[in-house]
Amino acid sequence: MKLKRIGVTTLAIALLVGGGATNATYAMELREQTLENTDYQVITPMWDNISGISPSISAEGTTLYPEVYIKAKSSSGSISGTMYLERYDLGRWISVTSWSFKGTSYVFLSKSYTGMSGVKYRTRVVVSVDGEKAEATSGSCEI
């Protein structure tokens, strides 16, 4: 099932950050994108230092948009990790490229990558928040 995606990222950030957000402002260009494979549920474990991890992926033509949002429970929480773009090949997920990130309190990382038609992709993130390690993956997106 394909859904039009306009401003979903902005809504997700607003919901995760909530009323206790620091004085940060996001300026994002709205673009119409297709979000695929929404037939999955997010199960959030109970972490000591992590408030939430939200990886996602969308596509417009052959351009992929992997994104991740991580929020620490503490406003001084130290966040570091890597976001991976992976493709499905011969029955397994293979890393295509990756981006490292660091921040305090919360991190939002959004990248673009030109993929190949007929290939399934996903976003995976490995993160550490004040020493607590976690990993999460998005649903898949075939272009």
N, C-alpha and C. Protein backbone atom coordinates (compact mmCIF):
# COMPACT_ATOMS: atom_id res chain seq x y z
N MET A 1 0.84 -1.18 0.00
CA MET A 1 0.00 0.00 0.00
C MET A 1 0.88 1.23 0.00
N LYS A 2 0.60 2.17 -0.86
CA LYS A 2 1.40 3.39 -0.94
C LYS A 2 0.62 4.54 -0.33
N LEU A 3 1.28 5.33 0.47
CA LEU A 3 0.65 6.50 1.08
C LEU A 3 1.44 7.73 0.69
N LYS A 4 0.77 8.83 0.47
CA LYS A 4 1.46 10.09 0.23
C LYS A 4 2.03 10.58 1.56
N ARG A 5 3.24 11.05 1.51
CA ARG A 5 3.89 11.48 2.73
C ARG A 5 4.27 12.94 2.61
N ILE A 6 3.57 13.78 3.33
CA ILE A 6 3.86 15.21 3.31
C ILE A 6 3.98 15.67 4.75
N GLY A 7 5.14 16.02 5.15
CA GLY A 7 5.34 16.54 6.49
C GLY A 7 5.29 15.51 7.60
N VAL A 8 5.37 14.23 7.29
CA VAL A 8 5.33 13.18 8.31
C VAL A 8 6.52 13.31 9.25
N THR A 9 7.67 13.63 8.70
CA THR A 9 8.87 13.79 9.52
C THR A 9 8.68 14.89 10.55
N THR A 10 8.10 16.01 10.13
CA THR A 10 7.86 17.11 11.06
C THR A 10 6.92 16.68 12.17
N LEU A 11 5.87 15.95 11.84
CA LEU A 11 4.93 15.47 12.83
C LEU A 11 5.61 14.50 13.80
N ALA A 12 6.43 13.59 13.28
CA ALA A 12 7.12 12.62 14.14
C ALA A 12 8.03 13.33 15.14
N ILE A 13 8.74 14.34 14.67
CA ILE A 13 9.63 15.09 15.57
C ILE A 13 8.81 15.79 16.65
N ALA A 14 7.72 16.40 16.25
CA ALA A 14 6.88 17.12 17.22
C ALA A 14 6.34 16.16 18.27
N LEU A 15 5.92 14.97 17.86
CA LEU A 15 5.39 14.00 18.81
C LEU A 15 6.46 13.45 19.75
N LEU A 16 7.66 13.19 19.21
CA LEU A 16 8.72 12.63 20.05
C LEU A 16 9.34 13.66 20.97
N VAL A 17 9.53 14.87 20.48
CA VAL A 17 10.17 15.91 21.29
C VAL A 17 9.20 16.39 22.36
N GLY A 18 7.95 16.61 22.00
CA GLY A 18 6.92 17.01 22.96
C GLY A 18 7.16 18.39 23.54
N GLY A 19 6.51 18.66 24.65
CA GLY A 19 6.57 19.98 25.26
C GLY A 19 7.88 20.29 25.93
N GLY A 20 8.73 19.31 26.22
CA GLY A 20 9.98 19.56 26.93
C GLY A 20 11.14 19.80 25.99
N ALA A 21 10.90 20.23 24.80
CA ALA A 21 11.97 20.41 23.82
C ALA A 21 12.84 21.60 24.18
N THR A 22 14.10 21.49 23.81
CA THR A 22 15.00 22.62 23.98
C THR A 22 14.70 23.63 22.89
N ASN A 23 15.36 24.76 22.90
CA ASN A 23 15.11 25.82 21.94
C ASN A 23 15.75 25.52 20.60
N ALA A 24 15.29 24.49 19.94
CA ALA A 24 15.82 24.12 18.63
C ALA A 24 14.73 24.35 17.58
N THR A 25 15.13 24.80 16.43
CA THR A 25 14.20 25.04 15.34
C THR A 25 14.64 24.23 14.15
N TYR A 26 13.68 23.54 13.52
CA TYR A 26 13.98 22.76 12.33
C TYR A 26 13.40 23.47 11.12
N ALA A 27 14.20 23.62 10.10
CA ALA A 27 13.71 24.14 8.83
C ALA A 27 13.87 23.01 7.83
N MET A 28 12.75 22.54 7.33
CA MET A 28 12.82 21.42 6.39
C MET A 28 11.98 21.74 5.17
N GLU A 29 12.49 21.36 4.04
CA GLU A 29 11.77 21.52 2.79
C GLU A 29 10.73 20.41 2.70
N LEU A 30 9.48 20.80 2.47
CA LEU A 30 8.44 19.80 2.29
C LEU A 30 8.55 19.22 0.90
N ARG A 31 8.49 17.93 0.80
CA ARG A 31 8.52 17.28 -0.50
C ARG A 31 7.54 16.12 -0.48
N GLU A 32 6.92 15.87 -1.60
CA GLU A 32 5.98 14.77 -1.68
C GLU A 32 6.76 13.50 -1.95
N GLN A 33 6.56 12.50 -1.11
CA GLN A 33 7.32 11.26 -1.22
C GLN A 33 6.37 10.08 -1.08
N THR A 34 6.85 8.93 -1.47
CA THR A 34 6.10 7.71 -1.32
C THR A 34 6.71 6.89 -0.21
N LEU A 35 5.88 6.47 0.73
CA LEU A 35 6.33 5.63 1.84
C LEU A 35 5.76 4.24 1.59
N GLU A 36 6.63 3.26 1.57
CA GLU A 36 6.21 1.90 1.25
C GLU A 36 6.25 1.01 2.49
N ASN A 37 5.58 -0.12 2.40
CA ASN A 37 5.62 -1.17 3.40
C ASN A 37 5.33 -0.63 4.80
N THR A 38 4.13 -0.18 5.00
CA THR A 38 3.74 0.34 6.31
C THR A 38 3.03 -0.72 7.14
N ASP A 39 3.14 -1.99 6.75
CA ASP A 39 2.47 -3.08 7.45
C ASP A 39 3.33 -3.65 8.57
N TYR A 40 3.81 -2.80 9.46
CA TYR A 40 4.60 -3.25 10.58
C TYR A 40 4.26 -2.43 11.81
N GLN A 41 4.57 -2.96 12.97
CA GLN A 41 4.32 -2.26 14.21
C GLN A 41 5.64 -1.94 14.88
N VAL A 42 5.67 -0.84 15.59
CA VAL A 42 6.86 -0.47 16.34
C VAL A 42 6.64 -0.87 17.79
N ILE A 43 7.54 -1.67 18.31
CA ILE A 43 7.50 -2.08 19.71
C ILE A 43 8.67 -1.39 20.41
N THR A 44 8.37 -0.57 21.39
CA THR A 44 9.41 0.21 22.06
C THR A 44 9.78 -0.46 23.39
N PRO A 45 11.03 -0.91 23.52
CA PRO A 45 11.45 -1.50 24.79
C PRO A 45 11.61 -0.42 25.86
N MET A 46 11.70 -0.85 27.09
CA MET A 46 11.91 0.06 28.20
C MET A 46 13.40 0.26 28.40
N TRP A 47 13.88 1.43 28.06
CA TRP A 47 15.29 1.75 28.22
C TRP A 47 15.48 2.64 29.45
N ASP A 48 16.69 2.62 29.99
CA ASP A 48 17.01 3.49 31.11
C ASP A 48 17.35 4.91 30.66
N ASN A 49 18.09 5.04 29.55
CA ASN A 49 18.59 6.34 29.11
C ASN A 49 17.98 6.83 27.80
N ILE A 50 17.29 5.96 27.09
CA ILE A 50 16.77 6.30 25.76
C ILE A 50 15.26 6.51 25.84
N SER A 51 14.82 7.67 25.38
CA SER A 51 13.39 7.97 25.35
C SER A 51 12.75 7.38 24.09
N GLY A 52 13.46 7.42 22.97
CA GLY A 52 12.90 6.87 21.74
C GLY A 52 13.90 6.82 20.61
N ILE A 53 13.68 5.86 19.70
CA ILE A 53 14.48 5.72 18.48
C ILE A 53 13.49 5.53 17.34
N SER A 54 13.62 6.34 16.31
CA SER A 54 12.67 6.26 15.21
C SER A 54 13.38 6.29 13.86
N PRO A 55 13.76 5.13 13.30
CA PRO A 55 14.34 5.09 11.96
C PRO A 55 13.23 5.02 10.92
N SER A 56 13.46 5.64 9.76
CA SER A 56 12.48 5.56 8.68
C SER A 56 13.19 5.64 7.34
N ILE A 57 12.46 5.31 6.29
CA ILE A 57 12.98 5.43 4.93
C ILE A 57 11.82 5.73 4.01
N SER A 58 12.08 6.58 3.04
CA SER A 58 11.09 6.90 2.02
C SER A 58 11.83 7.08 0.71
N ALA A 59 11.07 7.19 -0.38
CA ALA A 59 11.70 7.32 -1.70
C ALA A 59 10.88 8.24 -2.58
N GLU A 60 11.59 8.88 -3.47
CA GLU A 60 10.98 9.70 -4.51
C GLU A 60 11.74 9.36 -5.78
N GLY A 61 11.12 8.60 -6.68
CA GLY A 61 11.83 8.08 -7.84
C GLY A 61 12.87 7.08 -7.35
N THR A 62 14.13 7.28 -7.75
CA THR A 62 15.20 6.40 -7.27
C THR A 62 16.00 7.04 -6.13
N THR A 63 15.55 8.18 -5.64
CA THR A 63 16.23 8.83 -4.51
C THR A 63 15.62 8.34 -3.21
N LEU A 64 16.47 7.80 -2.35
CA LEU A 64 16.07 7.31 -1.04
C LEU A 64 16.34 8.37 0.02
N TYR A 65 15.49 8.41 1.03
CA TYR A 65 15.66 9.35 2.14
C TYR A 65 15.66 8.58 3.46
N PRO A 66 16.81 8.05 3.87
CA PRO A 66 16.89 7.42 5.19
C PRO A 66 16.97 8.50 6.27
N GLU A 67 16.25 8.27 7.37
CA GLU A 67 16.23 9.23 8.48
C GLU A 67 16.21 8.49 9.80
N VAL A 68 16.70 9.17 10.83
CA VAL A 68 16.59 8.62 12.17
C VAL A 68 16.45 9.77 13.17
N TYR A 69 15.65 9.53 14.19
CA TYR A 69 15.48 10.47 15.29
C TYR A 69 15.70 9.70 16.58
N ILE A 70 16.59 10.20 17.42
CA ILE A 70 16.88 9.59 18.71
C ILE A 70 16.72 10.65 19.78
N LYS A 71 16.06 10.29 20.88
CA LYS A 71 15.89 11.22 21.99
C LYS A 71 16.33 10.54 23.28
N ALA A 72 17.17 11.23 24.03
CA ALA A 72 17.61 10.76 25.35
C ALA A 72 16.56 11.13 26.40
N LYS A 73 16.50 10.38 27.48
CA LYS A 73 15.58 10.73 28.57
C LYS A 73 16.05 11.99 29.29
N SER A 74 17.37 12.19 29.35
CA SER A 74 17.95 13.35 30.02
C SER A 74 18.27 14.43 28.99
N SER A 75 18.05 15.69 29.35
CA SER A 75 18.38 16.79 28.43
C SER A 75 19.89 16.92 28.23
N SER A 76 20.68 16.28 29.09
CA SER A 76 22.13 16.30 28.92
C SER A 76 22.66 14.96 28.41
N GLY A 77 21.75 14.09 27.98
CA GLY A 77 22.13 12.76 27.51
C GLY A 77 23.04 12.82 26.29
N SER A 78 24.14 12.08 26.36
CA SER A 78 25.11 12.03 25.27
C SER A 78 24.74 10.92 24.29
N ILE A 79 24.54 11.30 23.03
CA ILE A 79 24.09 10.37 21.99
C ILE A 79 25.17 10.23 20.93
N SER A 80 25.48 9.00 20.54
CA SER A 80 26.39 8.77 19.41
C SER A 80 25.98 7.47 18.73
N GLY A 81 26.28 7.39 17.45
CA GLY A 81 25.93 6.17 16.75
C GLY A 81 26.14 6.26 15.26
N THR A 82 25.56 5.30 14.55
CA THR A 82 25.70 5.20 13.11
C THR A 82 24.36 4.82 12.49
N MET A 83 24.00 5.52 11.42
CA MET A 83 22.82 5.18 10.64
C MET A 83 23.30 4.47 9.38
N TYR A 84 22.73 3.30 9.10
CA TYR A 84 23.11 2.49 7.94
C TYR A 84 21.97 2.46 6.93
N LEU A 85 22.31 2.57 5.66
CA LEU A 85 21.38 2.30 4.58
C LEU A 85 21.71 0.90 4.09
N GLU A 86 20.72 0.01 4.11
CA GLU A 86 20.95 -1.39 3.73
C GLU A 86 20.05 -1.77 2.57
N ARG A 87 20.53 -2.71 1.74
CA ARG A 87 19.72 -3.24 0.64
C ARG A 87 19.56 -4.75 0.83
N TYR A 88 18.45 -5.26 0.34
CA TYR A 88 18.16 -6.68 0.45
C TYR A 88 18.70 -7.38 -0.79
N ASP A 89 19.58 -8.36 -0.58
CA ASP A 89 20.21 -9.05 -1.70
C ASP A 89 20.45 -10.52 -1.34
N LEU A 90 19.94 -11.40 -2.15
CA LEU A 90 20.13 -12.85 -1.98
C LEU A 90 19.76 -13.32 -0.57
N GLY A 91 18.62 -12.82 -0.06
CA GLY A 91 18.11 -13.30 1.21
C GLY A 91 18.71 -12.68 2.46
N ARG A 92 19.52 -11.62 2.30
CA ARG A 92 20.09 -10.97 3.50
C ARG A 92 20.24 -9.48 3.26
N TRP A 93 20.36 -8.74 4.35
CA TRP A 93 20.54 -7.28 4.29
C TRP A 93 22.02 -6.95 4.26
N ILE A 94 22.41 -6.10 3.30
CA ILE A 94 23.81 -5.72 3.10
C ILE A 94 23.92 -4.20 3.24
N SER A 95 24.90 -3.73 4.00
CA SER A 95 25.12 -2.30 4.17
C SER A 95 25.61 -1.67 2.88
N VAL A 96 24.95 -0.58 2.47
CA VAL A 96 25.31 0.15 1.26
C VAL A 96 26.22 1.33 1.62
N THR A 97 25.83 2.07 2.64
CA THR A 97 26.61 3.21 3.12
C THR A 97 26.18 3.51 4.56
N SER A 98 26.92 4.37 5.22
CA SER A 98 26.58 4.71 6.60
C SER A 98 26.99 6.14 6.92
N TRP A 99 26.37 6.69 7.97
CA TRP A 99 26.67 8.03 8.44
C TRP A 99 26.74 8.01 9.96
N SER A 100 27.79 8.59 10.53
CA SER A 100 27.93 8.68 11.99
C SER A 100 27.28 9.96 12.49
N PHE A 101 26.90 9.96 13.76
CA PHE A 101 26.30 11.15 14.36
C PHE A 101 26.62 11.22 15.83
N LYS A 102 26.58 12.43 16.37
CA LYS A 102 26.76 12.69 17.80
C LYS A 102 25.88 13.85 18.18
N GLY A 103 25.44 13.87 19.42
CA GLY A 103 24.63 14.99 19.88
C GLY A 103 24.31 14.86 21.35
N THR A 104 23.57 15.85 21.86
CA THR A 104 23.13 15.87 23.24
C THR A 104 21.63 16.08 23.26
N SER A 105 20.93 15.33 24.06
CA SER A 105 19.50 15.41 24.25
C SER A 105 18.72 14.71 23.13
N TYR A 106 18.93 15.12 21.88
CA TYR A 106 18.29 14.45 20.75
C TYR A 106 19.10 14.66 19.47
N VAL A 107 18.92 13.76 18.54
CA VAL A 107 19.61 13.84 17.24
C VAL A 107 18.59 13.52 16.16
N PHE A 108 18.58 14.34 15.12
CA PHE A 108 17.80 14.05 13.92
C PHE A 108 18.77 14.04 12.75
N LEU A 109 18.81 12.95 12.01
CA LEU A 109 19.71 12.82 10.87
C LEU A 109 18.88 12.40 9.66
N SER A 110 19.02 13.15 8.58
CA SER A 110 18.30 12.88 7.34
C SER A 110 19.29 12.97 6.19
N LYS A 111 19.34 11.95 5.36
CA LYS A 111 20.28 11.92 4.23
C LYS A 111 19.52 11.54 2.96
N SER A 112 20.19 11.66 1.83
CA SER A 112 19.62 11.19 0.57
C SER A 112 20.66 10.33 -0.13
N TYR A 113 20.15 9.38 -0.92
CA TYR A 113 21.03 8.44 -1.61
C TYR A 113 20.30 7.96 -2.86
N THR A 114 21.02 7.91 -3.98
CA THR A 114 20.43 7.41 -5.21
C THR A 114 20.57 5.90 -5.26
N GLY A 115 19.42 5.22 -5.27
CA GLY A 115 19.40 3.76 -5.27
C GLY A 115 19.15 3.20 -6.66
N MET A 116 18.98 1.87 -6.71
CA MET A 116 18.72 1.18 -7.96
C MET A 116 17.27 0.70 -8.00
N SER A 117 16.62 0.86 -9.13
CA SER A 117 15.24 0.41 -9.30
C SER A 117 15.14 -1.09 -9.08
N GLY A 118 14.01 -1.51 -8.49
CA GLY A 118 13.77 -2.93 -8.26
C GLY A 118 14.48 -3.50 -7.05
N VAL A 119 15.09 -2.66 -6.24
CA VAL A 119 15.83 -3.11 -5.06
C VAL A 119 15.11 -2.63 -3.81
N LYS A 120 15.10 -3.46 -2.77
CA LYS A 120 14.48 -3.15 -1.50
C LYS A 120 15.54 -2.59 -0.55
N TYR A 121 15.21 -1.50 0.14
CA TYR A 121 16.14 -0.83 1.06
C TYR A 121 15.48 -0.66 2.43
N ARG A 122 16.32 -0.46 3.45
CA ARG A 122 15.85 -0.12 4.79
C ARG A 122 16.90 0.72 5.49
N THR A 123 16.50 1.34 6.59
CA THR A 123 17.40 2.11 7.45
C THR A 123 17.59 1.31 8.74
N ARG A 124 18.85 1.22 9.17
CA ARG A 124 19.16 0.57 10.45
C ARG A 124 20.01 1.55 11.24
N VAL A 125 19.79 1.64 12.54
CA VAL A 125 20.58 2.53 13.38
C VAL A 125 21.11 1.76 14.58
N VAL A 126 22.36 2.01 14.90
CA VAL A 126 23.01 1.49 16.10
C VAL A 126 23.41 2.72 16.91
N VAL A 127 22.94 2.80 18.16
CA VAL A 127 23.11 4.02 18.94
C VAL A 127 23.52 3.69 20.37
N SER A 128 24.22 4.64 20.97
CA SER A 128 24.56 4.59 22.39
C SER A 128 24.13 5.90 23.02
N VAL A 129 23.33 5.82 24.08
CA VAL A 129 22.90 7.00 24.83
C VAL A 129 23.37 6.83 26.26
N ASP A 130 24.32 7.66 26.66
CA ASP A 130 24.93 7.58 27.99
C ASP A 130 25.38 6.15 28.30
N GLY A 131 25.95 5.47 27.30
CA GLY A 131 26.49 4.13 27.47
C GLY A 131 25.49 3.00 27.23
N GLU A 132 24.22 3.31 27.14
CA GLU A 132 23.20 2.29 26.86
C GLU A 132 23.09 2.10 25.35
N LYS A 133 23.29 0.87 24.90
CA LYS A 133 23.32 0.58 23.47
C LYS A 133 21.98 0.03 22.99
N ALA A 134 21.60 0.41 21.76
CA ALA A 134 20.36 -0.09 21.16
C ALA A 134 20.50 -0.09 19.64
N GLU A 135 19.64 -0.87 19.02
CA GLU A 135 19.64 -0.98 17.57
C GLU A 135 18.18 -1.02 17.11
N ALA A 136 17.88 -0.37 15.98
CA ALA A 136 16.52 -0.37 15.45
C ALA A 136 16.57 -0.33 13.93
N THR A 137 15.55 -0.88 13.29
CA THR A 137 15.45 -0.85 11.84
C THR A 137 14.09 -0.32 11.41
N SER A 138 14.07 0.28 10.24
CA SER A 138 12.82 0.76 9.66
C SER A 138 12.14 -0.37 8.91
N GLY A 139 10.97 -0.09 8.39
CA GLY A 139 10.37 -0.99 7.42
C GLY A 139 11.14 -0.88 6.12
N SER A 140 10.83 -1.70 5.16
CA SER A 140 11.56 -1.67 3.90
C SER A 140 10.86 -0.80 2.87
N CYS A 141 11.61 -0.39 1.87
CA CYS A 141 11.11 0.49 0.82
C CYS A 141 11.71 -0.01 -0.50
N GLU A 142 10.88 -0.42 -1.44
CA GLU A 142 11.38 -0.89 -2.74
C GLU A 142 11.16 0.20 -3.78
N ILE A 143 12.22 0.51 -4.51
CA ILE A 143 12.10 1.55 -5.54
C ILE A 143 12.14 0.94 -6.92
